[in-house]
Amino acid sequence: MDSSINNTVGVAAALQQFNANQNAQMSLLKQSIDGQASQVEQLMASVGDAPKLASVGSIGTQLNTYA
């Protein structure tokens, strides 16, 4: 065989391996991000509704200081 054909086959095999590794890493990253999203959803659900702001009186009606 011609050496250029051997080189082409070698590069193609290396690219297949690289793509397989990239797909595995992307899958792991997606699982990690999905897990973090689930944790954030649970945290936000546990917080519940924000406290009601004052609508009458001199305290709490001019400036929202809820943090």
C-alpha atoms as a PDB file:
ATOM      1  CA  MET A   1       0.000   0.000   0.000  1.00  0.00           C
ATOM      2  CA  ASP A   2       0.942   3.539  -0.545  1.00  0.00           C
ATOM      3  CA  SER A   3       2.139   5.366   2.583  1.00  0.00           C
ATOM      4  CA  SER A   4      -0.351   8.202   2.013  1.00  0.00           C
ATOM      5  CA  ILE A   5      -3.210   5.682   2.205  1.00  0.00           C
ATOM      6  CA  ASN A   6      -1.775   4.284   5.435  1.00  0.00           C
ATOM      7  CA  ASN A   7      -1.505   7.800   6.832  1.00  0.00           C
ATOM      8  CA  THR A   8      -5.085   8.581   5.832  1.00  0.00           C
ATOM      9  CA  VAL A   9      -6.368   5.415   7.480  1.00  0.00           C
ATOM     10  CA  GLY A  10      -4.347   6.197  10.604  1.00  0.00           C
ATOM     11  CA  VAL A  11      -5.737   9.727  10.794  1.00  0.00           C
ATOM     12  CA  ALA A  12      -9.289   8.440  10.271  1.00  0.00           C
ATOM     13  CA  ALA A  13      -8.872   5.926  13.098  1.00  0.00           C
ATOM     14  CA  ALA A  14      -7.427   8.605  15.377  1.00  0.00           C
ATOM     15  CA  LEU A  15     -10.343  10.918  14.597  1.00  0.00           C
ATOM     16  CA  GLN A  16     -12.842   8.177  15.395  1.00  0.00           C
ATOM     17  CA  GLN A  17     -11.191   7.629  18.765  1.00  0.00           C
ATOM     18  CA  PHE A  18     -11.120  11.379  19.425  1.00  0.00           C
ATOM     19  CA  ASN A  19     -14.822  11.682  18.561  1.00  0.00           C
ATOM     20  CA  ALA A  20     -15.682   8.770  20.848  1.00  0.00           C
ATOM     21  CA  ASN A  21     -13.778  10.432  23.704  1.00  0.00           C
ATOM     22  CA  GLN A  22     -15.471  13.771  23.037  1.00  0.00           C
ATOM     23  CA  ASN A  23     -18.905  12.131  23.034  1.00  0.00           C
ATOM     24  CA  ALA A  24     -18.160  10.447  26.362  1.00  0.00           C
ATOM     25  CA  GLN A  25     -17.005  13.736  27.883  1.00  0.00           C
ATOM     26  CA  MET A  26     -20.060  15.584  26.560  1.00  0.00           C
ATOM     27  CA  SER A  27     -22.332  12.915  28.018  1.00  0.00           C
ATOM     28  CA  LEU A  28     -20.667  13.263  31.419  1.00  0.00           C
ATOM     29  CA  LEU A  29     -20.905  17.066  31.242  1.00  0.00           C
ATOM     30  CA  LYS A  30     -24.600  16.862  30.341  1.00  0.00           C
ATOM     31  CA  GLN A  31     -25.269  14.545  33.293  1.00  0.00           C
ATOM     32  CA  SER A  32     -23.419  16.918  35.600  1.00  0.00           C
ATOM     33  CA  ILE A  33     -25.328  19.977  34.362  1.00  0.00           C
ATOM     34  CA  ASP A  34     -28.655  18.128  34.585  1.00  0.00           C
ATOM     35  CA  GLY A  35     -27.836  17.180  38.178  1.00  0.00           C
ATOM     36  CA  GLN A  36     -26.990  20.765  39.043  1.00  0.00           C
ATOM     37  CA  ALA A  37     -30.198  21.988  37.394  1.00  0.00           C
ATOM     38  CA  SER A  38     -32.186  19.507  39.468  1.00  0.00           C
ATOM     39  CA  GLN A  39     -30.529  20.714  42.663  1.00  0.00           C
ATOM     40  CA  VAL A  40     -31.231  24.348  41.795  1.00  0.00           C
ATOM     41  CA  GLU A  41     -34.875  23.523  41.052  1.00  0.00           C
ATOM     42  CA  GLN A  42     -35.204  21.822  44.438  1.00  0.00           C
ATOM     43  CA  LEU A  43     -33.549  24.764  46.179  1.00  0.00           C
ATOM     44  CA  MET A  44     -35.780  27.286  44.444  1.00  0.00           C
ATOM     45  CA  ALA A  45     -38.881  25.230  45.256  1.00  0.00           C
ATOM     46  CA  SER A  46     -37.910  25.110  48.939  1.00  0.00           C
ATOM     47  CA  VAL A  47     -37.625  28.901  49.097  1.00  0.00           C
ATOM     48  CA  GLY A  48     -41.275  29.304  48.164  1.00  0.00           C
ATOM     49  CA  ASP A  49     -42.909  32.634  47.515  1.00  0.00           C
ATOM     50  CA  ALA A  50     -41.162  35.884  48.331  1.00  0.00           C
ATOM     51  CA  PRO A  51     -42.530  37.712  51.371  1.00  0.00           C
ATOM     52  CA  LYS A  52     -45.292  40.202  50.730  1.00  0.00           C
ATOM     53  CA  LEU A  53     -44.195  43.804  50.544  1.00  0.00           C
ATOM     54  CA  ALA A  54     -45.728  46.424  52.796  1.00  0.00           C
ATOM     55  CA  SER A  55     -48.385  48.535  51.119  1.00  0.00           C
ATOM     56  CA  VAL A  56     -49.482  50.703  54.033  1.00  0.00           C
ATOM     57  CA  GLY A  57     -47.473  52.690  56.537  1.00  0.00           C
ATOM     58  CA  SER A  58     -44.162  54.507  56.589  1.00  0.00           C
ATOM     59  CA  ILE A  59     -41.908  51.472  56.859  1.00  0.00           C
ATOM     60  CA  GLY A  60     -41.308  49.193  53.878  1.00  0.00           C
ATOM     61  CA  THR A  61     -43.393  51.116  51.368  1.00  0.00           C
ATOM     62  CA  GLN A  62     -40.700  53.355  49.895  1.00  0.00           C
ATOM     63  CA  LEU A  63     -37.775  50.998  49.467  1.00  0.00           C
ATOM     64  CA  ASN A  64     -37.739  47.239  48.853  1.00  0.00           C
ATOM     65  CA  THR A  65     -34.913  45.884  51.014  1.00  0.00           C
ATOM     66  CA  TYR A  66     -35.742  42.193  50.615  1.00  0.00           C
ATOM     67  CA  ALA A  67     -32.579  40.266  49.764  1.00  0.00           C
END
